[in-house]
N, C-alpha and C. Protein backbone atom coordinates (compact mmCIF):
# COMPACT_ATOMS: atom_id res chain seq x y z
N UNK A 1 0.85 -1.17 0.00
CA UNK A 1 0.00 0.00 0.00
C UNK A 1 0.90 1.24 0.00
N UNK A 2 0.54 2.21 -0.81
CA UNK A 2 1.33 3.44 -0.88
C UNK A 2 0.93 4.40 0.23
N UNK A 3 1.86 5.25 0.60
CA UNK A 3 1.63 6.22 1.66
C UNK A 3 1.72 7.63 1.09
N UNK A 4 0.79 8.48 1.47
CA UNK A 4 0.80 9.85 0.95
C UNK A 4 0.80 10.85 2.08
N UNK A 5 -0.12 10.71 3.00
CA UNK A 5 -0.33 11.71 4.04
C UNK A 5 0.88 12.02 4.88
N UNK A 6 1.64 11.02 5.27
CA UNK A 6 2.80 11.24 6.12
C UNK A 6 3.86 12.05 5.37
N UNK A 7 4.07 11.75 4.09
CA UNK A 7 5.02 12.52 3.29
C UNK A 7 4.61 13.98 3.20
N UNK A 8 3.32 14.20 3.09
CA UNK A 8 2.78 15.56 3.03
C UNK A 8 3.05 16.29 4.35
N UNK A 9 2.87 15.58 5.46
CA UNK A 9 3.15 16.17 6.77
C UNK A 9 4.63 16.54 6.89
N UNK A 10 5.50 15.65 6.41
CA UNK A 10 6.93 15.94 6.45
C UNK A 10 7.28 17.15 5.58
N UNK A 11 6.62 17.27 4.43
CA UNK A 11 6.87 18.45 3.57
C UNK A 11 6.51 19.74 4.31
N UNK A 12 5.38 19.73 5.01
CA UNK A 12 4.99 20.93 5.77
C UNK A 12 6.02 21.23 6.85
N UNK A 13 6.47 20.21 7.53
CA UNK A 13 7.46 20.40 8.57
C UNK A 13 8.75 20.97 7.99
N UNK A 14 9.16 20.47 6.83
CA UNK A 14 10.37 20.98 6.17
C UNK A 14 10.19 22.42 5.72
N UNK A 15 8.98 22.77 5.29
CA UNK A 15 8.76 24.12 4.77
C UNK A 15 9.09 25.20 5.80
N UNK A 16 8.88 24.89 7.07
CA UNK A 16 9.14 25.91 8.10
C UNK A 16 10.64 26.14 8.32
N UNK A 17 11.48 25.31 7.71
CA UNK A 17 12.92 25.58 7.71
C UNK A 17 13.24 26.70 6.73
N UNK A 18 12.39 26.88 5.73
CA UNK A 18 12.66 27.80 4.64
C UNK A 18 11.79 29.05 4.64
N UNK A 19 10.65 28.99 5.29
CA UNK A 19 9.69 30.09 5.26
C UNK A 19 9.25 30.45 6.68
N UNK A 20 8.87 31.68 6.84
CA UNK A 20 8.30 32.10 8.13
C UNK A 20 6.87 31.55 8.22
N UNK A 21 6.46 31.20 9.42
CA UNK A 21 5.13 30.65 9.60
C UNK A 21 4.08 31.64 9.09
N UNK A 22 3.13 31.11 8.34
CA UNK A 22 2.08 31.94 7.77
C UNK A 22 2.41 32.51 6.40
N UNK A 23 3.62 32.32 5.93
CA UNK A 23 4.03 32.83 4.61
C UNK A 23 3.31 32.02 3.53
N UNK A 24 2.53 32.69 2.65
CA UNK A 24 1.82 31.96 1.59
C UNK A 24 2.77 31.21 0.65
N UNK A 25 4.01 31.66 0.56
CA UNK A 25 4.98 30.96 -0.29
C UNK A 25 5.22 29.54 0.22
N UNK A 26 5.08 29.33 1.52
CA UNK A 26 5.27 27.98 2.07
C UNK A 26 4.21 27.03 1.50
N UNK A 27 2.99 27.49 1.43
CA UNK A 27 1.91 26.65 0.89
C UNK A 27 2.17 26.32 -0.58
N UNK A 28 2.60 27.30 -1.35
CA UNK A 28 2.91 27.05 -2.76
C UNK A 28 4.06 26.05 -2.89
N UNK A 29 5.08 26.22 -2.04
CA UNK A 29 6.23 25.32 -2.08
C UNK A 29 5.81 23.88 -1.75
N UNK A 30 5.01 23.72 -0.69
CA UNK A 30 4.55 22.39 -0.30
C UNK A 30 3.72 21.76 -1.42
N UNK A 31 2.82 22.54 -2.02
CA UNK A 31 2.00 22.00 -3.10
C UNK A 31 2.86 21.58 -4.30
N UNK A 32 3.85 22.38 -4.62
CA UNK A 32 4.75 22.05 -5.73
C UNK A 32 5.51 20.75 -5.44
N UNK A 33 6.06 20.63 -4.23
CA UNK A 33 6.81 19.43 -3.88
C UNK A 33 5.88 18.21 -3.79
N UNK A 34 4.67 18.40 -3.31
CA UNK A 34 3.71 17.30 -3.23
C UNK A 34 3.36 16.81 -4.63
N UNK A 35 3.18 17.72 -5.57
CA UNK A 35 2.90 17.32 -6.96
C UNK A 35 4.06 16.51 -7.54
N UNK A 36 5.28 16.98 -7.28
CA UNK A 36 6.46 16.23 -7.75
C UNK A 36 6.49 14.84 -7.13
N UNK A 37 6.16 14.76 -5.84
CA UNK A 37 6.13 13.48 -5.14
C UNK A 37 5.07 12.57 -5.79
N UNK A 38 3.89 13.12 -6.09
CA UNK A 38 2.82 12.34 -6.71
C UNK A 38 3.17 11.92 -8.13
N UNK A 39 4.07 12.65 -8.76
CA UNK A 39 4.54 12.28 -10.10
C UNK A 39 5.59 11.18 -10.05
N UNK A 40 5.91 10.72 -8.83
CA UNK A 40 6.86 9.62 -8.68
C UNK A 40 8.30 10.06 -8.49
N UNK A 41 8.50 11.31 -8.11
CA UNK A 41 9.85 11.86 -8.00
C UNK A 41 10.26 12.14 -6.55
N UNK A 42 10.00 11.22 -5.66
CA UNK A 42 10.32 11.42 -4.24
C UNK A 42 11.81 11.65 -4.03
N UNK A 43 12.65 10.94 -4.76
CA UNK A 43 14.10 11.12 -4.63
C UNK A 43 14.55 12.50 -5.07
N UNK A 44 13.97 13.00 -6.14
CA UNK A 44 14.31 14.34 -6.63
C UNK A 44 13.85 15.40 -5.63
N UNK A 45 12.67 15.19 -5.05
CA UNK A 45 12.17 16.12 -4.03
C UNK A 45 13.11 16.13 -2.83
N UNK A 46 13.54 14.95 -2.39
CA UNK A 46 14.47 14.86 -1.24
C UNK A 46 15.76 15.61 -1.54
N UNK A 47 16.29 15.44 -2.74
CA UNK A 47 17.54 16.13 -3.11
C UNK A 47 17.33 17.64 -3.16
N UNK A 48 16.19 18.08 -3.68
CA UNK A 48 15.90 19.52 -3.76
C UNK A 48 15.79 20.13 -2.37
N UNK A 49 15.21 19.40 -1.44
CA UNK A 49 15.07 19.90 -0.07
C UNK A 49 16.45 20.06 0.57
N UNK A 50 17.29 19.06 0.41
CA UNK A 50 18.65 19.15 0.97
C UNK A 50 19.44 20.29 0.33
N UNK A 51 19.32 20.44 -1.00
CA UNK A 51 20.02 21.53 -1.70
C UNK A 51 19.57 22.89 -1.19
N UNK A 52 18.26 23.04 -1.00
CA UNK A 52 17.72 24.33 -0.52
C UNK A 52 18.28 24.64 0.87
N UNK A 53 18.31 23.65 1.74
CA UNK A 53 18.84 23.85 3.09
C UNK A 53 20.32 24.23 3.03
N UNK A 54 21.06 23.60 2.13
CA UNK A 54 22.49 23.89 1.99
C UNK A 54 22.70 25.29 1.41
N UNK A 55 21.94 25.64 0.36
CA UNK A 55 22.06 26.97 -0.25
C UNK A 55 21.73 28.09 0.73
N UNK A 56 20.81 27.82 1.64
CA UNK A 56 20.43 28.83 2.64
C UNK A 56 21.41 28.85 3.83
N UNK A 57 22.42 27.97 3.79
CA UNK A 57 23.43 27.90 4.86
C UNK A 57 22.80 27.67 6.23
N UNK A 58 21.81 26.78 6.28
CA UNK A 58 21.17 26.47 7.56
C UNK A 58 22.09 25.58 8.38
N UNK A 59 22.19 25.87 9.66
CA UNK A 59 23.00 25.01 10.52
C UNK A 59 22.21 23.72 10.79
N UNK A 60 22.86 22.71 11.35
CA UNK A 60 22.20 21.41 11.54
C UNK A 60 20.87 21.51 12.30
N UNK A 61 20.79 22.35 13.29
CA UNK A 61 19.54 22.48 14.05
C UNK A 61 18.45 23.13 13.19
N UNK A 62 18.80 24.15 12.42
CA UNK A 62 17.83 24.85 11.57
C UNK A 62 17.30 23.96 10.45
N UNK A 63 18.12 23.05 9.97
CA UNK A 63 17.72 22.22 8.83
C UNK A 63 17.23 20.84 9.25
N UNK A 64 17.08 20.62 10.54
CA UNK A 64 16.72 19.30 11.06
C UNK A 64 15.44 18.74 10.41
N UNK A 65 14.37 19.54 10.35
CA UNK A 65 13.11 19.05 9.76
C UNK A 65 13.24 18.81 8.26
N UNK A 66 14.05 19.62 7.59
CA UNK A 66 14.28 19.42 6.16
C UNK A 66 15.00 18.09 5.93
N UNK A 67 16.02 17.81 6.73
CA UNK A 67 16.75 16.55 6.60
C UNK A 67 15.87 15.36 6.97
N UNK A 68 15.05 15.52 7.99
CA UNK A 68 14.14 14.44 8.38
C UNK A 68 13.18 14.13 7.24
N UNK A 69 12.66 15.17 6.60
CA UNK A 69 11.75 14.98 5.46
C UNK A 69 12.47 14.26 4.33
N UNK A 70 13.66 14.73 3.99
CA UNK A 70 14.43 14.10 2.91
C UNK A 70 14.73 12.64 3.24
N UNK A 71 15.12 12.37 4.48
CA UNK A 71 15.39 10.99 4.89
C UNK A 71 14.15 10.12 4.71
N UNK A 72 13.01 10.65 5.13
CA UNK A 72 11.75 9.91 5.01
C UNK A 72 11.45 9.61 3.55
N UNK A 73 11.54 10.63 2.70
CA UNK A 73 11.23 10.44 1.28
C UNK A 73 12.14 9.41 0.63
N UNK A 74 13.41 9.43 0.99
CA UNK A 74 14.34 8.45 0.43
C UNK A 74 14.07 7.05 0.96
N UNK A 75 13.81 6.95 2.24
CA UNK A 75 13.55 5.64 2.85
C UNK A 75 12.25 5.03 2.32
N UNK A 76 11.26 5.87 2.06
CA UNK A 76 9.94 5.38 1.63
C UNK A 76 9.74 5.45 0.12
N UNK A 77 10.79 5.78 -0.61
CA UNK A 77 10.67 5.94 -2.06
C UNK A 77 9.95 4.77 -2.74
N UNK A 78 10.23 3.51 -2.36
CA UNK A 78 9.52 2.41 -3.03
C UNK A 78 8.00 2.46 -2.80
N UNK A 79 7.59 3.08 -1.71
CA UNK A 79 6.17 3.14 -1.38
C UNK A 79 5.52 4.44 -1.86
N UNK A 80 6.27 5.26 -2.53
CA UNK A 80 5.78 6.55 -3.00
C UNK A 80 5.74 6.61 -4.54
N UNK A 81 5.66 5.46 -5.18
CA UNK A 81 5.60 5.40 -6.64
C UNK A 81 4.14 5.47 -7.08
N UNK A 82 3.59 6.67 -6.99
CA UNK A 82 2.17 6.88 -7.27
C UNK A 82 1.78 6.57 -8.70
N UNK A 83 2.58 6.95 -9.72
CA UNK A 83 2.15 6.64 -11.09
C UNK A 83 1.94 5.13 -11.31
N UNK A 84 2.86 4.31 -10.81
CA UNK A 84 2.71 2.86 -10.95
C UNK A 84 1.48 2.38 -10.19
N UNK A 85 1.30 2.87 -8.99
CA UNK A 85 0.15 2.44 -8.18
C UNK A 85 -1.17 2.79 -8.86
N UNK A 86 -1.26 4.00 -9.37
CA UNK A 86 -2.50 4.42 -10.02
C UNK A 86 -2.76 3.60 -11.28
N UNK A 87 -1.70 3.31 -12.05
CA UNK A 87 -1.85 2.49 -13.25
C UNK A 87 -2.28 1.07 -12.92
N UNK A 88 -1.83 0.56 -11.78
CA UNK A 88 -2.16 -0.81 -11.36
C UNK A 88 -3.47 -0.88 -10.57
N UNK A 89 -4.02 0.28 -10.21
CA UNK A 89 -5.25 0.30 -9.41
C UNK A 89 -5.02 -0.05 -7.96
N UNK A 90 -3.78 0.15 -7.48
CA UNK A 90 -3.46 -0.17 -6.09
C UNK A 90 -3.98 0.93 -5.16
N UNK A 91 -4.27 0.58 -3.89
CA UNK A 91 -4.74 1.60 -2.94
C UNK A 91 -3.60 2.53 -2.50
N UNK A 92 -3.96 3.76 -2.24
CA UNK A 92 -3.01 4.75 -1.73
C UNK A 92 -3.54 5.19 -0.37
N UNK A 93 -2.76 4.99 0.67
CA UNK A 93 -3.19 5.35 2.02
C UNK A 93 -2.71 6.75 2.36
N UNK A 94 -3.51 7.46 3.13
CA UNK A 94 -3.11 8.76 3.62
C UNK A 94 -3.19 8.74 5.13
N UNK A 95 -2.58 9.73 5.73
CA UNK A 95 -2.66 9.84 7.19
C UNK A 95 -4.10 9.92 7.66
N UNK A 96 -4.95 10.57 6.89
CA UNK A 96 -6.36 10.68 7.25
C UNK A 96 -7.00 9.30 7.27
N UNK A 97 -6.73 8.53 6.23
CA UNK A 97 -7.30 7.18 6.15
C UNK A 97 -6.75 6.31 7.27
N UNK A 98 -5.44 6.39 7.49
CA UNK A 98 -4.84 5.61 8.57
C UNK A 98 -5.44 6.00 9.91
N UNK A 99 -5.64 7.29 10.13
CA UNK A 99 -6.24 7.75 11.39
C UNK A 99 -7.67 7.27 11.53
N UNK A 100 -8.42 7.29 10.44
CA UNK A 100 -9.81 6.82 10.49
C UNK A 100 -9.85 5.33 10.79
N UNK A 101 -8.96 4.58 10.18
CA UNK A 101 -8.92 3.14 10.46
C UNK A 101 -8.58 2.88 11.92
N UNK A 102 -7.61 3.62 12.44
CA UNK A 102 -7.25 3.46 13.84
C UNK A 102 -8.45 3.81 14.72
N UNK A 103 -9.12 4.93 14.41
CA UNK A 103 -10.27 5.36 15.21
C UNK A 103 -11.39 4.34 15.15
N UNK A 104 -11.72 3.86 13.96
CA UNK A 104 -12.85 2.95 13.82
C UNK A 104 -12.52 1.53 14.25
N UNK A 105 -11.32 1.08 13.95
CA UNK A 105 -11.01 -0.33 14.17
C UNK A 105 -10.20 -0.56 15.43
N UNK A 106 -8.98 -0.08 15.45
CA UNK A 106 -8.07 -0.43 16.54
C UNK A 106 -8.58 0.04 17.89
N UNK A 107 -9.00 1.30 17.99
CA UNK A 107 -9.43 1.83 19.28
C UNK A 107 -10.63 1.06 19.84
N UNK A 108 -11.45 0.46 18.98
CA UNK A 108 -12.64 -0.25 19.46
C UNK A 108 -12.42 -1.75 19.54
N UNK A 109 -11.73 -2.30 18.56
CA UNK A 109 -11.59 -3.75 18.48
C UNK A 109 -10.45 -4.29 19.32
N UNK A 110 -9.45 -3.47 19.59
CA UNK A 110 -8.25 -3.92 20.28
C UNK A 110 -8.38 -3.67 21.79
N UNK A 111 -9.42 -4.21 22.37
CA UNK A 111 -9.66 -4.06 23.80
C UNK A 111 -9.23 -5.36 24.48
N UNK A 112 -8.45 -5.26 25.53
CA UNK A 112 -7.96 -6.44 26.23
C UNK A 112 -9.13 -7.32 26.65
N UNK A 113 -9.03 -8.58 26.28
CA UNK A 113 -10.04 -9.56 26.67
C UNK A 113 -11.24 -9.62 25.74
N UNK A 114 -11.34 -8.70 24.79
CA UNK A 114 -12.50 -8.70 23.89
C UNK A 114 -12.36 -9.83 22.86
N UNK A 115 -13.48 -10.44 22.54
CA UNK A 115 -13.51 -11.47 21.51
C UNK A 115 -14.56 -11.05 20.51
N UNK A 116 -14.15 -11.01 19.25
CA UNK A 116 -15.05 -10.55 18.21
C UNK A 116 -15.19 -11.62 17.14
N UNK A 117 -16.44 -11.89 16.79
CA UNK A 117 -16.71 -12.68 15.60
C UNK A 117 -16.81 -11.71 14.43
N UNK A 118 -16.74 -12.23 13.23
CA UNK A 118 -16.77 -11.39 12.04
C UNK A 118 -18.05 -10.56 11.95
N UNK A 119 -19.20 -11.19 12.19
CA UNK A 119 -20.46 -10.47 12.06
C UNK A 119 -20.62 -9.38 13.13
N UNK A 120 -20.30 -9.70 14.36
CA UNK A 120 -20.47 -8.69 15.43
C UNK A 120 -19.46 -7.56 15.27
N UNK A 121 -18.23 -7.88 14.87
CA UNK A 121 -17.23 -6.83 14.66
C UNK A 121 -17.66 -5.91 13.52
N UNK A 122 -18.17 -6.48 12.44
CA UNK A 122 -18.62 -5.67 11.31
C UNK A 122 -19.78 -4.76 11.73
N UNK A 123 -20.71 -5.28 12.51
CA UNK A 123 -21.84 -4.48 12.96
C UNK A 123 -21.39 -3.31 13.83
N UNK A 124 -20.46 -3.57 14.74
CA UNK A 124 -19.94 -2.51 15.61
C UNK A 124 -19.22 -1.45 14.78
N UNK A 125 -18.41 -1.87 13.83
CA UNK A 125 -17.68 -0.91 12.99
C UNK A 125 -18.63 -0.06 12.15
N UNK A 126 -19.69 -0.68 11.63
CA UNK A 126 -20.66 0.09 10.85
C UNK A 126 -21.35 1.14 11.74
N UNK A 127 -21.71 0.75 12.93
CA UNK A 127 -22.34 1.71 13.85
C UNK A 127 -21.37 2.83 14.23
N UNK A 128 -20.10 2.48 14.49
CA UNK A 128 -19.10 3.52 14.82
C UNK A 128 -18.92 4.49 13.65
N UNK A 129 -18.93 3.97 12.43
CA UNK A 129 -18.79 4.84 11.26
C UNK A 129 -19.99 5.76 11.15
N UNK A 130 -21.18 5.24 11.36
CA UNK A 130 -22.39 6.08 11.32
C UNK A 130 -22.34 7.19 12.37
N UNK A 131 -21.93 6.83 13.56
CA UNK A 131 -21.86 7.81 14.65
C UNK A 131 -20.77 8.84 14.36
N UNK A 132 -19.61 8.38 13.90
CA UNK A 132 -18.50 9.30 13.61
C UNK A 132 -18.85 10.28 12.50
N UNK A 133 -19.67 9.85 11.55
CA UNK A 133 -20.04 10.70 10.43
C UNK A 133 -21.34 11.47 10.66
N UNK A 134 -21.87 11.39 11.87
CA UNK A 134 -23.14 12.06 12.21
C UNK A 134 -24.30 11.61 11.32
N UNK A 135 -24.30 10.33 10.93
CA UNK A 135 -25.38 9.79 10.10
C UNK A 135 -26.24 8.79 10.86
N UNK A 136 -26.01 8.65 12.16
CA UNK A 136 -26.73 7.62 12.90
C UNK A 136 -28.23 7.88 12.91
N UNK A 137 -28.66 9.12 13.15
CA UNK A 137 -30.11 9.41 13.21
C UNK A 137 -30.80 9.07 11.89
N UNK A 138 -30.18 9.43 10.79
CA UNK A 138 -30.75 9.12 9.47
C UNK A 138 -30.83 7.61 9.28
N UNK A 139 -29.75 6.92 9.64
CA UNK A 139 -29.74 5.47 9.54
C UNK A 139 -30.83 4.86 10.42
N UNK A 140 -30.96 5.33 11.65
CA UNK A 140 -31.91 4.72 12.59
C UNK A 140 -33.34 4.89 12.09
N UNK A 141 -33.67 6.05 11.55
CA UNK A 141 -35.00 6.27 10.98
C UNK A 141 -35.24 5.31 9.81
N UNK A 142 -34.23 5.13 8.96
CA UNK A 142 -34.34 4.18 7.85
C UNK A 142 -34.54 2.77 8.40
N UNK A 143 -33.74 2.41 9.41
CA UNK A 143 -33.83 1.07 10.01
C UNK A 143 -35.24 0.81 10.55
N UNK A 144 -35.79 1.78 11.28
CA UNK A 144 -37.14 1.61 11.84
C UNK A 144 -38.19 1.48 10.75
N UNK A 145 -38.06 2.27 9.68
CA UNK A 145 -39.01 2.18 8.57
C UNK A 145 -38.93 0.81 7.91
N UNK A 146 -37.72 0.28 7.73
CA UNK A 146 -37.56 -1.03 7.12
C UNK A 146 -38.11 -2.13 8.04
N UNK A 147 -37.87 -1.97 9.32
CA UNK A 147 -38.39 -2.94 10.29
C UNK A 147 -39.91 -2.96 10.27
N UNK A 148 -40.51 -1.79 10.23
CA UNK A 148 -41.98 -1.69 10.18
C UNK A 148 -42.51 -2.33 8.90
N UNK A 149 -41.86 -2.04 7.78
CA UNK A 149 -42.28 -2.61 6.50
C UNK A 149 -42.16 -4.14 6.54
N UNK A 150 -41.04 -4.63 7.05
CA UNK A 150 -40.79 -6.07 7.07
C UNK A 150 -41.73 -6.81 8.03
N UNK A 151 -41.91 -6.26 9.22
CA UNK A 151 -42.68 -6.97 10.24
C UNK A 151 -44.18 -6.72 10.13
N UNK A 152 -44.56 -5.48 9.86
CA UNK A 152 -45.99 -5.14 9.91
C UNK A 152 -46.62 -4.94 8.54
N UNK A 153 -46.06 -4.07 7.73
CA UNK A 153 -46.69 -3.71 6.47
C UNK A 153 -46.86 -4.91 5.54
N UNK A 154 -45.90 -5.82 5.55
CA UNK A 154 -46.03 -7.00 4.67
C UNK A 154 -47.23 -7.85 5.08
N UNK A 155 -47.54 -7.92 6.34
CA UNK A 155 -48.71 -8.68 6.80
C UNK A 155 -50.00 -7.97 6.41
N UNK A 156 -50.02 -6.66 6.57
CA UNK A 156 -51.23 -5.90 6.27
C UNK A 156 -51.52 -5.94 4.78
N UNK A 157 -50.50 -5.98 3.95
CA UNK A 157 -50.69 -6.03 2.50
C UNK A 157 -51.36 -7.33 2.10
N UNK A 158 -51.15 -8.40 2.86
CA UNK A 158 -51.76 -9.69 2.55
C UNK A 158 -53.17 -9.80 3.16
N UNK A 159 -53.59 -8.78 3.85
CA UNK A 159 -54.90 -8.81 4.47
C UNK A 159 -54.94 -9.56 5.79
N UNK A 160 -53.80 -9.86 6.33
CA UNK A 160 -53.72 -10.55 7.61
C UNK A 160 -53.59 -9.49 8.69
N UNK A 161 -54.68 -9.21 9.34
CA UNK A 161 -54.67 -8.21 10.40
C UNK A 161 -54.82 -8.97 11.71
N UNK A 162 -53.86 -8.82 12.60
CA UNK A 162 -53.94 -9.55 13.87
C UNK A 162 -55.19 -9.14 14.66
N UNK A 163 -55.84 -10.12 15.24
CA UNK A 163 -57.03 -9.88 16.06
C UNK A 163 -56.61 -9.67 17.51
N UNK A 164 -57.29 -8.74 18.19
CA UNK A 164 -56.95 -8.56 19.61
C UNK A 164 -57.28 -9.82 20.39
N UNK A 165 -56.54 -10.03 21.46
CA UNK A 165 -56.73 -11.25 22.26
C UNK A 165 -57.94 -11.16 23.13
């Protein structure tokens, strides 16, 4: 699985070595480097970051985040080949997706002593997703309508009306 979000976070961290916080040029720089990364050029981006830090004569402490970003991009280069992944239809993970998976799955399913079957785990995860997305009320109304249709309306349509006891 390819990784995108973490590389983007590292680019932002590196940008503050080169720009003052709040400088709109930082956003343009990050977007430019992110596009290059998405084009499959993580190694070139890493080299450009190191060159920029060197040209600006940043001392080791000032360039620490830039070097960390470059190290990450070089180490993860095999996992940052977006053109190949997109051509092959492979999934691309982002920090947002990873965080959502952790929130929905690990935080709920990885409870000491818990035992989950496939059906019950899937039901819990679906409910957590509905709650997290603020769609639970809409779902619950739909569920009640379907339950009424299944249990009651289908009987009434056949003319079977329960008699009082």
